[in-house]
Amino acid sequence: MSAAEACGNEGLCLASLSEQTSPISSDFVPSTGTSTRNPVDVSLSAHLDLTIFRRSAETVAQDPGVDAVAIIGAV
């Protein structure tokens, strides 16, 4: 089960990211095997470049519709 599904099962709603957030994320999140819509998926590429994790979290956290950010991954 994905984290997004687990949130839904607990009655939590994922934020709809603003039109300004996704293009910013696309500037540094690789296009292959990823998603810049919520839930954001930076794929395995972020394990090779940890700034992708950091910049993605910072960008999403600045979106006015986002109340919290959860990062799931291991290095």
N, C-alpha and C. Protein backbone atom coordinates (compact mmCIF):
# COMPACT_ATOMS: atom_id res chain seq x y z
N MET A 1 0.85 -1.17 0.00
CA MET A 1 0.00 0.00 0.00
C MET A 1 0.89 1.24 0.00
N SER A 2 0.52 2.22 -0.79
CA SER A 2 1.29 3.46 -0.84
C SER A 2 0.93 4.35 0.34
N ALA A 3 1.79 5.31 0.61
CA ALA A 3 1.54 6.26 1.70
C ALA A 3 0.28 7.08 1.40
N ALA A 4 0.06 7.42 0.13
CA ALA A 4 -1.13 8.18 -0.24
C ALA A 4 -2.39 7.38 0.04
N GLU A 5 -2.37 6.09 -0.27
CA GLU A 5 -3.52 5.23 0.02
C GLU A 5 -3.74 5.11 1.52
N ALA A 6 -2.68 4.99 2.27
CA ALA A 6 -2.80 4.89 3.73
C ALA A 6 -3.41 6.16 4.30
N CYS A 7 -3.02 7.31 3.78
CA CYS A 7 -3.62 8.58 4.23
C CYS A 7 -5.12 8.59 3.94
N GLY A 8 -5.49 8.20 2.75
CA GLY A 8 -6.90 8.15 2.37
C GLY A 8 -7.69 7.21 3.25
N ASN A 9 -7.11 6.07 3.58
CA ASN A 9 -7.79 5.10 4.45
C ASN A 9 -8.03 5.65 5.85
N GLU A 10 -7.21 6.62 6.25
CA GLU A 10 -7.36 7.24 7.57
C GLU A 10 -8.19 8.52 7.52
N GLY A 11 -8.76 8.83 6.35
CA GLY A 11 -9.60 10.01 6.22
C GLY A 11 -8.86 11.29 5.95
N LEU A 12 -7.57 11.20 5.65
CA LEU A 12 -6.79 12.39 5.33
C LEU A 12 -6.88 12.68 3.84
N CYS A 13 -6.81 13.94 3.48
CA CYS A 13 -6.88 14.34 2.07
C CYS A 13 -5.52 14.91 1.65
N LEU A 14 -5.09 14.53 0.46
CA LEU A 14 -3.87 15.11 -0.10
C LEU A 14 -4.20 16.48 -0.67
N ALA A 15 -3.32 17.41 -0.46
CA ALA A 15 -3.51 18.76 -0.98
C ALA A 15 -3.43 18.76 -2.49
N SER A 16 -4.20 19.61 -3.12
CA SER A 16 -4.05 19.87 -4.55
C SER A 16 -3.00 20.95 -4.67
N LEU A 17 -1.90 20.65 -5.34
CA LEU A 17 -0.84 21.63 -5.47
C LEU A 17 -1.24 22.73 -6.45
N SER A 18 -0.82 23.94 -6.15
CA SER A 18 -1.16 25.08 -7.00
C SER A 18 -0.48 24.95 -8.37
N GLU A 19 -0.98 25.69 -9.32
CA GLU A 19 -0.41 25.67 -10.67
C GLU A 19 1.03 26.15 -10.68
N GLN A 20 1.43 26.92 -9.68
CA GLN A 20 2.79 27.44 -9.63
C GLN A 20 3.77 26.41 -9.07
N THR A 21 3.32 25.47 -8.27
CA THR A 21 4.23 24.54 -7.61
C THR A 21 4.77 23.47 -8.56
N SER A 22 3.93 22.83 -9.34
CA SER A 22 4.39 21.74 -10.21
C SER A 22 5.45 22.15 -11.22
N PRO A 23 5.30 23.29 -11.89
CA PRO A 23 6.37 23.68 -12.83
C PRO A 23 7.71 23.91 -12.12
N ILE A 24 7.68 24.44 -10.92
CA ILE A 24 8.92 24.66 -10.17
C ILE A 24 9.56 23.31 -9.88
N SER A 25 8.76 22.35 -9.44
CA SER A 25 9.29 21.02 -9.14
C SER A 25 9.87 20.37 -10.39
N SER A 26 9.25 20.61 -11.52
CA SER A 26 9.73 20.02 -12.78
C SER A 26 11.12 20.52 -13.16
N ASP A 27 11.52 21.65 -12.60
CA ASP A 27 12.85 22.19 -12.90
C ASP A 27 13.97 21.31 -12.35
N PHE A 28 13.72 20.55 -11.27
CA PHE A 28 14.79 19.76 -10.67
C PHE A 28 14.45 18.30 -10.44
N VAL A 29 13.18 17.91 -10.64
CA VAL A 29 12.79 16.50 -10.50
C VAL A 29 12.87 15.87 -11.89
N PRO A 30 13.65 14.81 -12.06
CA PRO A 30 13.75 14.15 -13.36
C PRO A 30 12.37 13.72 -13.87
N SER A 31 12.18 13.71 -15.16
CA SER A 31 10.86 13.41 -15.72
C SER A 31 10.55 11.91 -15.80
N THR A 32 11.55 11.07 -15.74
CA THR A 32 11.35 9.63 -15.89
C THR A 32 11.00 8.98 -14.55
N GLY A 33 9.85 8.33 -14.49
CA GLY A 33 9.45 7.58 -13.30
C GLY A 33 9.12 8.44 -12.10
N THR A 34 8.72 9.68 -12.33
CA THR A 34 8.43 10.59 -11.22
C THR A 34 7.08 11.25 -11.42
N SER A 35 6.64 11.99 -10.40
CA SER A 35 5.41 12.76 -10.48
C SER A 35 5.61 14.06 -9.71
N THR A 36 5.26 15.18 -10.32
CA THR A 36 5.33 16.46 -9.62
C THR A 36 3.95 16.91 -9.16
N ARG A 37 2.96 16.02 -9.31
CA ARG A 37 1.63 16.27 -8.74
C ARG A 37 1.55 15.50 -7.43
N ASN A 38 0.61 15.84 -6.61
CA ASN A 38 0.49 15.18 -5.31
C ASN A 38 -0.18 13.83 -5.45
N PRO A 39 0.38 12.73 -4.96
CA PRO A 39 1.62 12.68 -4.19
C PRO A 39 2.84 12.83 -5.09
N VAL A 40 3.77 13.67 -4.65
CA VAL A 40 5.00 13.89 -5.39
C VAL A 40 5.87 12.65 -5.25
N ASP A 41 6.42 12.20 -6.36
CA ASP A 41 7.28 11.02 -6.38
C ASP A 41 8.57 11.39 -7.09
N VAL A 42 9.66 11.46 -6.35
CA VAL A 42 10.94 11.84 -6.94
C VAL A 42 11.75 10.64 -7.39
N SER A 43 11.23 9.44 -7.19
CA SER A 43 11.82 8.21 -7.69
C SER A 43 13.20 7.94 -7.09
N LEU A 44 13.85 6.95 -7.64
CA LEU A 44 15.17 6.56 -7.14
C LEU A 44 16.25 7.59 -7.46
N SER A 45 15.98 8.47 -8.39
CA SER A 45 16.96 9.51 -8.75
C SER A 45 17.38 10.32 -7.54
N ALA A 46 16.45 10.55 -6.62
CA ALA A 46 16.75 11.37 -5.44
C ALA A 46 17.77 10.71 -4.53
N HIS A 47 17.89 9.40 -4.59
CA HIS A 47 18.89 8.73 -3.76
C HIS A 47 20.30 9.00 -4.27
N LEU A 48 20.41 9.39 -5.52
CA LEU A 48 21.71 9.74 -6.09
C LEU A 48 22.01 11.22 -5.94
N ASP A 49 20.97 12.01 -5.72
CA ASP A 49 21.11 13.46 -5.55
C ASP A 49 20.14 13.90 -4.47
N LEU A 50 20.61 13.94 -3.23
CA LEU A 50 19.73 14.24 -2.09
C LEU A 50 19.14 15.64 -2.13
N THR A 51 19.70 16.53 -2.94
CA THR A 51 19.10 17.86 -3.05
C THR A 51 17.71 17.78 -3.68
N ILE A 52 17.43 16.73 -4.45
CA ILE A 52 16.09 16.56 -5.03
C ILE A 52 15.08 16.37 -3.90
N PHE A 53 15.39 15.55 -2.90
CA PHE A 53 14.51 15.39 -1.73
C PHE A 53 14.28 16.73 -1.05
N ARG A 54 15.38 17.44 -0.76
CA ARG A 54 15.30 18.70 -0.02
C ARG A 54 14.50 19.74 -0.79
N ARG A 55 14.83 19.94 -2.06
CA ARG A 55 14.15 20.97 -2.85
C ARG A 55 12.68 20.63 -3.06
N SER A 56 12.38 19.36 -3.24
CA SER A 56 10.98 18.94 -3.41
C SER A 56 10.18 19.24 -2.15
N ALA A 57 10.73 18.88 -1.00
CA ALA A 57 10.03 19.12 0.26
C ALA A 57 9.84 20.61 0.51
N GLU A 58 10.88 21.40 0.27
CA GLU A 58 10.78 22.84 0.46
C GLU A 58 9.74 23.46 -0.47
N THR A 59 9.74 23.03 -1.72
CA THR A 59 8.80 23.58 -2.70
C THR A 59 7.36 23.24 -2.34
N VAL A 60 7.11 21.99 -2.01
CA VAL A 60 5.76 21.56 -1.65
C VAL A 60 5.31 22.25 -0.36
N ALA A 61 6.20 22.38 0.60
CA ALA A 61 5.85 23.02 1.88
C ALA A 61 5.46 24.48 1.71
N GLN A 62 5.97 25.14 0.68
CA GLN A 62 5.65 26.54 0.43
C GLN A 62 4.31 26.73 -0.28
N ASP A 63 3.73 25.65 -0.79
CA ASP A 63 2.45 25.74 -1.47
C ASP A 63 1.38 26.15 -0.45
N PRO A 64 0.56 27.15 -0.77
CA PRO A 64 -0.44 27.62 0.19
C PRO A 64 -1.49 26.57 0.58
N GLY A 65 -1.69 25.55 -0.22
CA GLY A 65 -2.69 24.54 0.09
C GLY A 65 -2.16 23.37 0.91
N VAL A 66 -0.87 23.41 1.26
CA VAL A 66 -0.23 22.29 1.96
C VAL A 66 -0.08 22.62 3.44
N ASP A 67 -0.57 21.71 4.29
CA ASP A 67 -0.45 21.87 5.74
C ASP A 67 0.72 21.08 6.32
N ALA A 68 1.10 20.00 5.67
CA ALA A 68 2.18 19.14 6.18
C ALA A 68 2.83 18.40 5.02
N VAL A 69 4.08 18.03 5.21
CA VAL A 69 4.84 17.28 4.21
C VAL A 69 5.38 16.02 4.88
N ALA A 70 5.20 14.88 4.24
CA ALA A 70 5.78 13.63 4.73
C ALA A 70 6.76 13.13 3.68
N ILE A 71 7.95 12.79 4.12
CA ILE A 71 8.98 12.28 3.23
C ILE A 71 9.21 10.82 3.58
N ILE A 72 9.08 9.97 2.59
CA ILE A 72 9.28 8.54 2.81
C ILE A 72 10.40 8.09 1.88
N GLY A 73 11.47 7.59 2.45
CA GLY A 73 12.60 7.13 1.67
C GLY A 73 13.73 6.74 2.60
N ALA A 74 14.68 6.09 2.07
CA ALA A 74 15.83 5.68 2.88
C ALA A 74 17.10 5.90 2.09
N VAL A 75 18.12 6.28 2.78
CA VAL A 75 19.42 6.50 2.13
C VAL A 75 20.42 5.59 2.78
